[in-house]
Amino acid sequence: MKTLLVSENVEDSEILIKIIKAKFRDIEVIHVSRQDHALEAASSDGPFGFFIIDAEIRKNNPSILAANLIELTGDRPIIFLGNEAIINDRIQQEIYQANIYNEKLLKPLERDGIVDDLANKIDRALEFAKEEEFEQSLKDVDPNDYIPMKLRSFYLFNSFPYDIYLAITNTRYIKIISANKPYTISILTVYARKNIRFLHIKKDDQLKYLEEETKQCIRSLKKGVPNSKENVVFLLRSITILQQYILALGLSPSVTVLADTIVESVIKVDLSSRLLSDILKSYPSEYSGISSKSLMTGLIALALSKNLGWDSVTTKSKLIMASVLQDITLTDDSLTQISELGDEALNGQTELNIAEFVAHPTKAAELAIQFTKYPDLDFLIKNHHELPNKMGFPNKPSSLSLTVLCSVFNISQHIAAKLDDNDITNELIDSLLKSMLRNFNAANFKEPMKIAKKIMKV
């Protein structure tokens, strides 16, 4: 068990640590003096069974600190330290009353009875900690029993039906999301800033989760309101489930139904909006990544095809499925924002990521062959980074072999790659389209580029 002590007072901190060591040998105290250090410790050194916060800290507001810690870690008891008047003045009542195990430890600490007073308050906190089983959240594991899941996929949920773990070492995991308990995006953001890209789930749990979510996504998408922002977010979630399912289990009847339902739903979103700008204005850019780029590519491709006068459901469906599968084999979401081998962003990637990026059109095309309902889907995906001037990759075919459908898809994925994870403005769009003229404005790409300049606006 660990507790996090936040106090600027060195003498008081030493007294508390000494008492805790003497009375509670199984409790480790992590001591920090500032809010940023406290949040850092809470995200990397936990789990903490309870917190001790000095209400007399001057560099930070103790109420805000308490709220931030709870938002980051979930509900925990807090022992507020200080003169009673200061505690009452600086700790908001709603913060103090948020957990029935919260306590006040009054200063001065150099007084009779302080040992028993602190021990009693810690005993109360331990009741909560025992109930929440914090000791069991850090465990030694066989990594072969677990499956990595992309951290970014958890942004689409407020709670998760199974326990989720963070790998501390190869064989030691810590539970950071408890099954069916709410969590916040802020805790995920802390890990993302540390360049943590994967969390872990037990294999058996993942299989059950994918089956359950696939059925739920199918049911919900069929009821969805096409042009609502909430439905777009649920589409992102459904695309994420589909991609995870394919990678983990391959094709199955249920995954085929989900794929077809996603295609139908994206077409409905497109038909419900008269202009692409209607969609881009409200696009939820906070969920950027492979799923987000997939959906944005599909919507842009449908808008281009509509303006080319194409009305074939087969063509629309093929563009959407290509959008969903184009980046499915990429393990790092940042690679989805790169479209050309000459992109400066590729210079900062590892050799493994670069090799994966170069190979992903071919690997994704191999997966696409299994979707027999969508003819020539593999050809579209295999060539989705090719350009009419042979500056693309991986095969550099002649411009004659790149069909108009290829040009529509390639232009769409390039635009989506550059818009995803950005505030979409007309200035950004204008700059992007201008930069594309050098490589995209030739052969079968000319007409779709002209249309893109016409319809791309917010």
Protein backbone atom coordinates (compact mmCIF):
# COMPACT_ATOMS: atom_id res chain seq x y z
CA MET A 1 0.00 0.00 0.00
CA LYS A 2 1.17 3.55 -0.77
CA THR A 3 0.04 6.96 0.33
CA LEU A 4 0.87 10.27 -1.33
CA LEU A 5 1.75 13.12 1.04
CA VAL A 6 1.65 16.65 -0.43
CA SER A 7 3.20 19.25 1.88
CA GLU A 8 5.72 22.09 1.68
CA ASN A 9 6.47 21.80 5.41
CA VAL A 10 9.52 19.56 5.78
CA GLU A 11 9.29 19.22 9.58
CA ASP A 12 5.61 18.23 9.53
CA SER A 13 6.27 15.79 6.72
CA GLU A 14 9.08 14.14 8.64
CA ILE A 15 6.83 13.69 11.69
CA LEU A 16 4.07 12.10 9.60
CA ILE A 17 6.43 9.78 7.75
CA LYS A 18 8.05 8.69 11.03
CA ILE A 19 4.68 7.87 12.62
CA ILE A 20 3.43 5.99 9.54
CA LYS A 21 6.61 3.92 9.34
CA ALA A 22 6.31 3.00 13.02
CA LYS A 23 2.59 2.20 13.05
CA PHE A 24 1.98 0.95 9.49
CA ARG A 25 4.98 -0.99 8.23
CA ASP A 26 3.17 -1.98 5.02
CA ILE A 27 2.46 1.60 3.96
CA GLU A 28 5.03 3.41 1.80
CA VAL A 29 4.89 7.21 1.84
CA ILE A 30 5.67 9.19 -1.30
CA HIS A 31 6.28 12.82 -0.36
CA VAL A 32 6.07 15.75 -2.81
CA SER A 33 5.64 19.48 -2.29
CA ARG A 34 3.96 20.66 -5.53
CA GLN A 35 0.86 19.89 -7.52
CA ASP A 36 2.67 18.98 -10.74
CA HIS A 37 4.88 16.53 -8.85
CA ALA A 38 1.80 15.11 -7.10
CA LEU A 39 0.02 14.45 -10.40
CA GLU A 40 3.17 12.96 -11.85
CA ALA A 41 3.51 10.62 -8.87
CA ALA A 42 -0.19 9.70 -8.98
CA SER A 43 0.12 8.61 -12.60
CA SER A 44 3.39 6.71 -12.36
CA ASP A 45 4.10 5.65 -8.76
CA GLY A 46 0.70 4.35 -7.65
CA PRO A 47 -1.66 2.90 -6.88
CA PHE A 48 -2.27 5.03 -3.80
CA GLY A 49 -4.78 3.89 -1.23
CA PHE A 50 -5.29 7.42 0.13
CA PHE A 51 -3.82 10.94 0.05
CA ILE A 52 -2.59 13.33 2.72
CA ILE A 53 -2.81 16.97 1.61
CA ASP A 54 -1.52 19.91 3.62
CA ALA A 55 -4.18 22.62 3.39
CA GLU A 56 -1.48 25.22 4.15
CA ILE A 57 0.47 24.73 0.92
CA ARG A 58 1.09 28.13 -0.66
CA LYS A 59 2.16 27.31 -4.23
CA ASN A 60 -1.11 25.57 -5.10
CA ASN A 61 -4.78 25.63 -4.19
CA PRO A 62 -5.33 22.49 -2.05
CA SER A 63 -8.96 22.10 -3.18
CA ILE A 64 -7.93 22.16 -6.84
CA LEU A 65 -5.09 19.75 -6.07
CA ALA A 66 -7.50 17.35 -4.36
CA ALA A 67 -9.98 17.54 -7.25
CA ASN A 68 -7.23 16.93 -9.82
CA LEU A 69 -5.89 13.91 -7.95
CA ILE A 70 -9.35 12.35 -7.68
CA GLU A 71 -10.05 13.05 -11.35
CA LEU A 72 -6.77 11.37 -12.26
CA THR A 73 -6.91 8.31 -10.00
CA GLY A 74 -10.56 7.84 -9.14
CA ASP A 75 -12.13 8.19 -5.73
CA ARG A 76 -9.70 7.98 -2.78
CA PRO A 77 -9.92 9.10 0.87
CA ILE A 78 -8.02 12.30 1.68
CA ILE A 79 -6.64 13.30 5.07
CA PHE A 80 -6.48 17.11 5.06
CA LEU A 81 -3.70 18.46 7.27
CA GLY A 82 -3.67 21.90 8.92
CA ASN A 83 -5.17 24.37 11.36
CA GLU A 84 -8.94 23.81 11.46
CA ALA A 85 -9.73 27.37 10.36
CA ILE A 86 -7.38 27.06 7.39
CA ILE A 87 -8.84 23.69 6.38
CA ASN A 88 -12.35 25.11 6.54
CA ASP A 89 -11.29 28.17 4.56
CA ARG A 90 -9.19 26.49 1.85
CA ILE A 91 -10.93 23.13 1.35
CA GLN A 92 -14.29 23.39 -0.38
CA GLN A 93 -17.08 21.61 1.45
CA GLU A 94 -18.08 19.59 -1.61
CA ILE A 95 -14.51 18.32 -1.89
CA TYR A 96 -14.38 17.33 1.77
CA GLN A 97 -17.81 15.71 1.72
CA ALA A 98 -17.23 13.84 -1.55
CA ASN A 99 -15.93 10.77 0.31
CA ILE A 100 -17.25 9.72 3.73
CA TYR A 101 -13.75 8.49 4.62
CA ASN A 102 -12.18 11.96 4.27
CA GLU A 103 -10.65 13.25 7.51
CA LYS A 104 -8.99 16.30 9.10
CA LEU A 105 -5.67 16.01 10.95
CA LEU A 106 -5.18 19.16 12.98
CA LYS A 107 -1.91 20.97 13.56
CA PRO A 108 0.32 21.38 15.48
CA LEU A 109 1.74 17.90 15.08
CA GLU A 110 4.08 18.25 18.09
CA ARG A 111 1.31 17.44 20.55
CA ASP A 112 0.12 14.65 22.81
CA GLY A 113 -2.06 12.11 21.10
CA ILE A 114 -0.88 12.82 17.56
CA VAL A 115 0.22 9.21 17.04
CA ASP A 116 -3.18 7.74 17.92
CA ASP A 117 -5.00 10.54 16.11
CA LEU A 118 -3.15 9.90 12.85
CA ALA A 119 -3.42 6.12 13.25
CA ASN A 120 -7.20 6.30 13.69
CA LYS A 121 -7.60 8.40 10.55
CA ILE A 122 -5.38 6.09 8.53
CA ASP A 123 -7.36 3.08 9.81
CA ARG A 124 -10.48 4.74 8.40
CA ALA A 125 -8.78 5.31 5.04
CA LEU A 126 -7.65 1.69 5.00
CA GLU A 127 -11.26 0.53 5.29
CA PHE A 128 -11.89 2.16 1.93
CA ALA A 129 -8.60 0.90 0.46
CA LYS A 130 -9.31 -2.66 1.58
CA GLU A 131 -12.76 -2.52 0.06
CA GLU A 132 -11.30 -1.32 -3.24
CA GLU A 133 -8.57 -4.02 -3.14
CA PHE A 134 -5.70 -1.68 -4.02
CA GLU A 135 -3.16 -4.29 -2.94
CA GLN A 136 -4.37 -6.55 -5.71
CA SER A 137 -4.00 -3.96 -8.48
CA LEU A 138 -0.23 -4.49 -8.78
CA LYS A 139 0.55 -8.06 -9.79
CA ASP A 140 3.11 -10.37 -11.32
CA VAL A 141 1.83 -11.82 -14.59
CA ASP A 142 2.66 -14.03 -17.53
CA PRO A 143 2.59 -11.51 -20.41
CA ASN A 144 1.46 -14.28 -22.76
CA ASP A 145 -1.89 -14.23 -20.96
CA TYR A 146 -2.50 -10.61 -21.97
CA ILE A 147 -3.20 -8.71 -25.19
CA PRO A 148 -2.11 -5.09 -25.86
CA MET A 149 -4.85 -2.61 -26.72
CA LYS A 150 -4.17 0.88 -28.05
CA LEU A 151 -4.48 3.49 -25.34
CA ARG A 152 -6.22 5.86 -27.74
CA SER A 153 -9.13 3.46 -28.16
CA PHE A 154 -10.09 4.04 -24.51
CA TYR A 155 -10.78 7.72 -25.26
CA LEU A 156 -14.07 6.56 -26.78
CA PHE A 157 -15.36 5.14 -23.49
CA ASN A 158 -16.27 6.45 -20.03
CA SER A 159 -16.00 3.01 -18.45
CA PHE A 160 -14.85 -0.40 -19.62
CA PRO A 161 -16.39 -3.82 -18.90
CA TYR A 162 -13.06 -5.49 -17.97
CA ASP A 163 -9.98 -4.68 -15.89
CA ILE A 164 -7.25 -2.93 -17.86
CA TYR A 165 -3.55 -2.97 -16.92
CA LEU A 166 -0.43 -0.92 -17.56
CA ALA A 167 2.84 -2.82 -17.97
CA ILE A 168 5.38 -1.60 -15.38
CA THR A 169 7.92 -4.26 -16.42
CA ASN A 170 7.63 -7.23 -18.77
CA THR A 171 6.09 -9.33 -16.01
CA ARG A 172 4.66 -6.78 -13.56
CA TYR A 173 1.37 -5.05 -14.39
CA ILE A 174 -0.71 -2.49 -12.53
CA LYS A 175 -4.48 -2.20 -12.86
CA ILE A 176 -5.37 1.36 -13.90
CA ILE A 177 -8.97 0.84 -15.08
CA SER A 178 -11.32 -1.28 -12.99
CA ALA A 179 -14.14 -3.15 -14.70
CA ASN A 180 -17.35 -1.11 -15.06
CA LYS A 181 -16.01 1.84 -13.06
CA PRO A 182 -15.90 5.35 -14.57
CA TYR A 183 -12.57 6.85 -15.61
CA THR A 184 -11.61 10.16 -17.18
CA ILE A 185 -9.76 11.08 -20.35
CA SER A 186 -7.27 13.05 -18.21
CA ILE A 187 -5.76 9.86 -16.79
CA LEU A 188 -5.26 8.55 -20.33
CA THR A 189 -3.69 11.85 -21.39
CA VAL A 190 -1.09 11.58 -18.62
CA TYR A 191 0.00 8.18 -19.94
CA ALA A 192 -0.08 9.38 -23.55
CA ARG A 193 2.31 12.21 -22.63
CA LYS A 194 4.70 9.56 -21.31
CA ASN A 195 4.59 7.97 -24.77
CA ILE A 196 2.66 4.96 -23.49
CA ARG A 197 0.71 3.65 -26.47
CA PHE A 198 -0.69 0.36 -25.18
CA LEU A 199 -2.64 -0.91 -22.21
CA HIS A 200 -3.26 -4.60 -21.56
CA ILE A 201 -6.29 -6.85 -21.17
CA LYS A 202 -6.51 -10.54 -20.36
CA LYS A 203 -6.86 -12.61 -23.53
CA ASP A 204 -10.10 -14.27 -22.44
CA ASP A 205 -11.56 -10.89 -21.49
CA GLN A 206 -10.63 -9.41 -24.86
CA LEU A 207 -12.39 -12.18 -26.77
CA LYS A 208 -15.57 -11.75 -24.71
CA TYR A 209 -15.32 -7.97 -25.03
CA LEU A 210 -14.98 -8.04 -28.82
CA GLU A 211 -17.93 -10.40 -29.24
CA GLU A 212 -20.15 -8.39 -26.88
CA GLU A 213 -19.19 -5.00 -28.34
CA THR A 214 -19.61 -6.20 -31.92
CA LYS A 215 -23.22 -7.16 -31.21
CA GLN A 216 -23.85 -3.91 -29.32
CA CYS A 217 -22.38 -1.79 -32.13
CA ILE A 218 -24.55 -3.52 -34.73
CA ARG A 219 -27.71 -2.93 -32.66
CA SER A 220 -26.89 0.70 -31.86
CA LEU A 221 -25.78 1.70 -35.36
CA LYS A 222 -29.05 0.44 -36.82
CA LYS A 223 -30.91 2.75 -34.44
CA GLY A 224 -28.55 5.74 -34.84
CA VAL A 225 -29.50 9.24 -35.96
CA PRO A 226 -27.34 9.72 -39.08
CA ASN A 227 -26.32 13.37 -38.72
CA SER A 228 -25.87 13.60 -34.94
CA LYS A 229 -22.40 14.18 -33.49
CA GLU A 230 -23.09 11.40 -30.99
CA ASN A 231 -23.65 8.95 -33.81
CA VAL A 232 -20.37 10.00 -35.46
CA VAL A 233 -18.57 9.28 -32.18
CA PHE A 234 -20.29 5.90 -31.99
CA LEU A 235 -19.18 5.22 -35.56
CA LEU A 236 -15.60 5.85 -34.45
CA ARG A 237 -16.11 3.41 -31.59
CA SER A 238 -17.58 0.81 -33.97
CA ILE A 239 -14.71 1.20 -36.43
CA THR A 240 -12.27 0.71 -33.55
CA ILE A 241 -14.05 -2.50 -32.51
CA LEU A 242 -14.08 -3.76 -36.10
CA GLN A 243 -10.36 -3.11 -36.54
CA GLN A 244 -9.50 -4.77 -33.21
CA TYR A 245 -11.67 -7.77 -34.02
CA ILE A 246 -10.10 -8.33 -37.45
CA LEU A 247 -6.58 -8.13 -36.04
CA ALA A 248 -7.36 -10.43 -33.10
CA LEU A 249 -9.72 -12.99 -34.63
CA GLY A 250 -9.85 -12.45 -38.38
CA LEU A 251 -13.10 -12.62 -40.32
CA SER A 252 -16.28 -14.10 -38.85
CA PRO A 253 -20.00 -13.80 -39.62
CA SER A 254 -20.45 -11.18 -36.89
CA VAL A 255 -17.52 -9.06 -38.04
CA THR A 256 -18.87 -9.18 -41.61
CA VAL A 257 -22.24 -7.91 -40.38
CA LEU A 258 -20.54 -5.14 -38.39
CA ALA A 259 -18.49 -4.10 -41.44
CA ASP A 260 -21.61 -3.91 -43.62
CA THR A 261 -23.50 -1.98 -40.92
CA ILE A 262 -20.67 0.56 -40.61
CA VAL A 263 -20.69 1.03 -44.39
CA GLU A 264 -24.45 1.63 -44.39
CA SER A 265 -24.18 4.07 -41.48
CA VAL A 266 -21.40 6.13 -43.09
CA ILE A 267 -23.43 6.39 -46.28
CA LYS A 268 -26.37 7.65 -44.20
CA VAL A 269 -24.16 10.28 -42.54
CA ASP A 270 -23.04 11.44 -45.98
CA LEU A 271 -26.57 11.57 -47.38
CA SER A 272 -27.88 13.48 -44.37
CA SER A 273 -25.42 16.36 -44.85
CA ARG A 274 -25.80 18.54 -47.92
CA LEU A 275 -22.20 19.76 -47.75
CA LEU A 276 -18.97 18.19 -46.54
CA SER A 277 -18.47 21.39 -44.54
CA ASP A 278 -21.45 20.44 -42.34
CA ILE A 279 -19.58 17.32 -41.27
CA LEU A 280 -16.14 18.91 -40.87
CA LYS A 281 -17.47 21.75 -38.71
CA SER A 282 -18.63 19.37 -36.02
CA TYR A 283 -16.08 16.61 -36.52
CA PRO A 284 -14.88 15.35 -33.08
CA SER A 285 -11.15 15.91 -33.58
CA GLU A 286 -10.41 14.99 -29.96
CA TYR A 287 -10.65 11.31 -30.97
CA SER A 288 -7.86 11.45 -33.55
CA GLY A 289 -6.09 8.28 -34.62
CA ILE A 290 -6.58 5.35 -36.96
CA SER A 291 -10.36 5.16 -36.53
CA SER A 292 -10.79 8.91 -36.88
CA LYS A 293 -8.70 9.10 -40.04
CA SER A 294 -10.63 6.10 -41.40
CA LEU A 295 -14.00 7.80 -40.97
CA MET A 296 -12.80 11.16 -42.25
CA THR A 297 -11.28 9.53 -45.34
CA GLY A 298 -14.56 7.79 -46.10
CA LEU A 299 -16.63 10.93 -45.73
CA ILE A 300 -14.31 13.00 -47.93
CA ALA A 301 -14.20 10.23 -50.55
CA LEU A 302 -18.01 10.07 -50.63
CA ALA A 303 -18.21 13.84 -51.08
CA LEU A 304 -15.74 13.74 -53.99
CA SER A 305 -17.54 10.82 -55.65
CA LYS A 306 -20.91 12.57 -55.26
CA ASN A 307 -19.53 15.63 -57.04
CA LEU A 308 -18.16 13.40 -59.79
CA GLY A 309 -21.72 12.19 -60.36
CA TRP A 310 -21.14 8.68 -59.00
CA ASP A 311 -24.22 7.15 -57.36
CA SER A 312 -23.29 3.47 -57.18
CA VAL A 313 -23.74 1.91 -53.73
CA THR A 314 -21.00 -0.58 -54.62
CA THR A 315 -18.55 2.25 -55.32
CA LYS A 316 -19.47 4.09 -52.11
CA SER A 317 -19.20 0.90 -50.06
CA LYS A 318 -15.80 0.09 -51.51
CA LEU A 319 -14.47 3.56 -50.66
CA ILE A 320 -15.68 3.25 -47.07
CA MET A 321 -14.26 -0.25 -46.53
CA ALA A 322 -10.95 0.87 -48.01
CA SER A 323 -10.98 3.76 -45.56
CA VAL A 324 -11.57 1.43 -42.62
CA LEU A 325 -8.83 -1.04 -43.62
CA GLN A 326 -6.14 1.26 -45.04
CA ASP A 327 -4.12 1.69 -41.81
CA ILE A 328 -5.29 -1.35 -39.88
CA THR A 329 -1.82 -2.91 -39.55
CA LEU A 330 -0.17 0.24 -38.16
CA THR A 331 0.53 -0.07 -34.43
CA ASP A 332 1.41 3.60 -33.89
CA ASP A 333 -1.43 6.06 -34.50
CA SER A 334 0.98 8.88 -35.29
CA LEU A 335 1.87 7.09 -38.54
CA THR A 336 -1.66 7.69 -39.85
CA GLN A 337 -0.85 11.40 -40.15
CA ILE A 338 2.00 10.66 -42.58
CA SER A 339 1.14 10.22 -46.23
CA GLU A 340 4.42 10.40 -48.14
CA LEU A 341 7.87 8.90 -47.61
CA GLY A 342 9.34 12.38 -47.90
CA ASP A 343 7.28 13.66 -44.96
CA GLU A 344 9.55 15.20 -42.30
CA ALA A 345 7.47 13.54 -39.56
CA LEU A 346 8.82 10.18 -40.71
CA ASN A 347 12.35 11.24 -39.74
CA GLY A 348 11.44 11.12 -36.06
CA GLN A 349 10.12 7.54 -36.23
CA THR A 350 11.98 4.39 -35.23
CA GLU A 351 13.36 2.05 -37.89
CA LEU A 352 10.69 -0.47 -36.95
CA ASN A 353 7.91 2.11 -37.42
CA ILE A 354 9.31 3.23 -40.76
CA ALA A 355 9.47 -0.36 -42.02
CA GLU A 356 5.92 -0.94 -40.79
CA PHE A 357 4.73 2.23 -42.53
CA VAL A 358 6.33 1.28 -45.86
CA ALA A 359 4.80 -2.21 -45.75
CA HIS A 360 1.32 -1.31 -44.48
CA PRO A 361 -0.43 -0.80 -47.90
CA THR A 362 0.58 -4.32 -48.96
CA LYS A 363 -0.32 -5.93 -45.61
CA ALA A 364 -3.68 -4.16 -45.43
CA ALA A 365 -4.43 -5.24 -49.01
CA GLU A 366 -3.79 -8.86 -48.02
CA LEU A 367 -6.42 -8.55 -45.29
CA ALA A 368 -8.84 -6.82 -47.68
CA ILE A 369 -8.90 -9.81 -50.05
CA GLN A 370 -11.04 -11.63 -47.46
CA PHE A 371 -13.85 -9.09 -47.92
CA THR A 372 -15.18 -10.67 -51.10
CA LYS A 373 -18.35 -8.53 -51.08
CA TYR A 374 -16.22 -5.53 -52.15
CA PRO A 375 -14.58 -6.28 -55.52
CA ASP A 376 -11.02 -5.01 -56.13
CA LEU A 377 -10.85 -3.63 -52.59
CA ASP A 378 -7.29 -4.93 -52.23
CA PHE A 379 -6.19 -3.02 -55.37
CA LEU A 380 -7.55 0.24 -53.98
CA ILE A 381 -5.79 -0.25 -50.63
CA LYS A 382 -2.52 -1.50 -52.10
CA ASN A 383 -2.22 1.73 -54.11
CA HIS A 384 -3.58 4.25 -51.60
CA HIS A 385 -0.23 6.02 -51.17
CA GLU A 386 0.68 6.02 -54.87
CA LEU A 387 0.90 9.26 -56.88
CA PRO A 388 0.55 10.01 -60.61
CA ASN A 389 4.15 11.27 -60.80
CA LYS A 390 5.62 8.00 -59.39
CA MET A 391 6.62 9.76 -56.17
CA GLY A 392 4.38 7.57 -54.01
CA PHE A 393 4.99 4.13 -52.52
CA PRO A 394 5.40 1.19 -52.31
CA ASN A 395 5.38 0.17 -56.02
CA LYS A 396 5.38 3.46 -58.02
CA PRO A 397 3.04 2.28 -60.85
CA SER A 398 2.42 4.30 -63.99
CA SER A 399 -0.24 6.99 -63.83
CA LEU A 400 -2.33 5.04 -66.38
CA SER A 401 -2.83 2.17 -63.92
CA LEU A 402 -4.14 4.49 -61.19
CA THR A 403 -7.87 4.72 -61.89
CA VAL A 404 -10.11 7.68 -61.09
CA LEU A 405 -11.38 5.68 -58.09
CA CYS A 406 -7.77 5.37 -56.90
CA SER A 407 -7.28 9.10 -57.29
CA VAL A 408 -10.42 9.89 -55.27
CA PHE A 409 -9.33 7.59 -52.47
CA ASN A 410 -5.69 8.69 -52.44
CA ILE A 411 -6.61 12.38 -52.35
CA SER A 412 -9.14 11.71 -49.58
CA GLN A 413 -6.75 9.77 -47.36
CA HIS A 414 -4.03 12.41 -47.79
CA ILE A 415 -6.41 15.23 -46.79
CA ALA A 416 -7.71 13.20 -43.82
CA ALA A 417 -4.17 12.43 -42.68
CA LYS A 418 -3.36 16.14 -42.50
CA LEU A 419 -6.69 17.28 -40.96
CA ASP A 420 -6.98 14.60 -38.29
CA ASP A 421 -5.80 15.78 -34.85
CA ASN A 422 -5.99 19.44 -35.96
CA ASP A 423 -8.47 22.25 -35.61
CA ILE A 424 -10.04 22.23 -39.06
CA THR A 425 -10.00 25.75 -40.51
CA ASN A 426 -10.27 27.12 -44.03
CA GLU A 427 -6.71 28.41 -43.69
CA LEU A 428 -5.45 24.90 -42.96
CA ILE A 429 -7.47 23.42 -45.81
CA ASP A 430 -6.30 26.07 -48.31
CA SER A 431 -2.65 25.56 -47.34
CA LEU A 432 -3.01 21.78 -47.58
CA LEU A 433 -4.66 21.80 -51.03
CA LYS A 434 -2.04 24.22 -52.32
CA SER A 435 0.75 21.92 -51.12
CA MET A 436 -0.89 18.96 -52.88
CA LEU A 437 -0.78 20.50 -56.35
CA ARG A 438 2.84 19.48 -56.93
CA ASN A 439 2.22 15.72 -56.60
CA PHE A 440 -1.52 15.22 -57.08
CA ASN A 441 -2.54 17.51 -59.94
CA ALA A 442 -1.93 15.17 -62.89
CA ALA A 443 -3.55 12.39 -64.95
CA ASN A 444 -6.70 10.95 -63.31
CA PHE A 445 -6.06 13.03 -60.19
CA LYS A 446 -6.71 16.39 -61.89
CA GLU A 447 -10.51 16.40 -61.85
CA PRO A 448 -10.88 15.14 -58.23
CA MET A 449 -8.33 17.75 -57.13
CA LYS A 450 -10.37 20.47 -58.82
CA ILE A 451 -13.47 19.25 -56.97
CA ALA A 452 -11.60 19.06 -53.67
CA LYS A 453 -10.67 22.75 -54.02
CA LYS A 454 -14.34 23.51 -54.59
CA ILE A 455 -15.95 21.53 -51.76
CA MET A 456 -13.30 21.49 -49.02
CA LYS A 457 -14.37 24.26 -46.65
CA VAL A 458 -15.79 24.75 -43.16
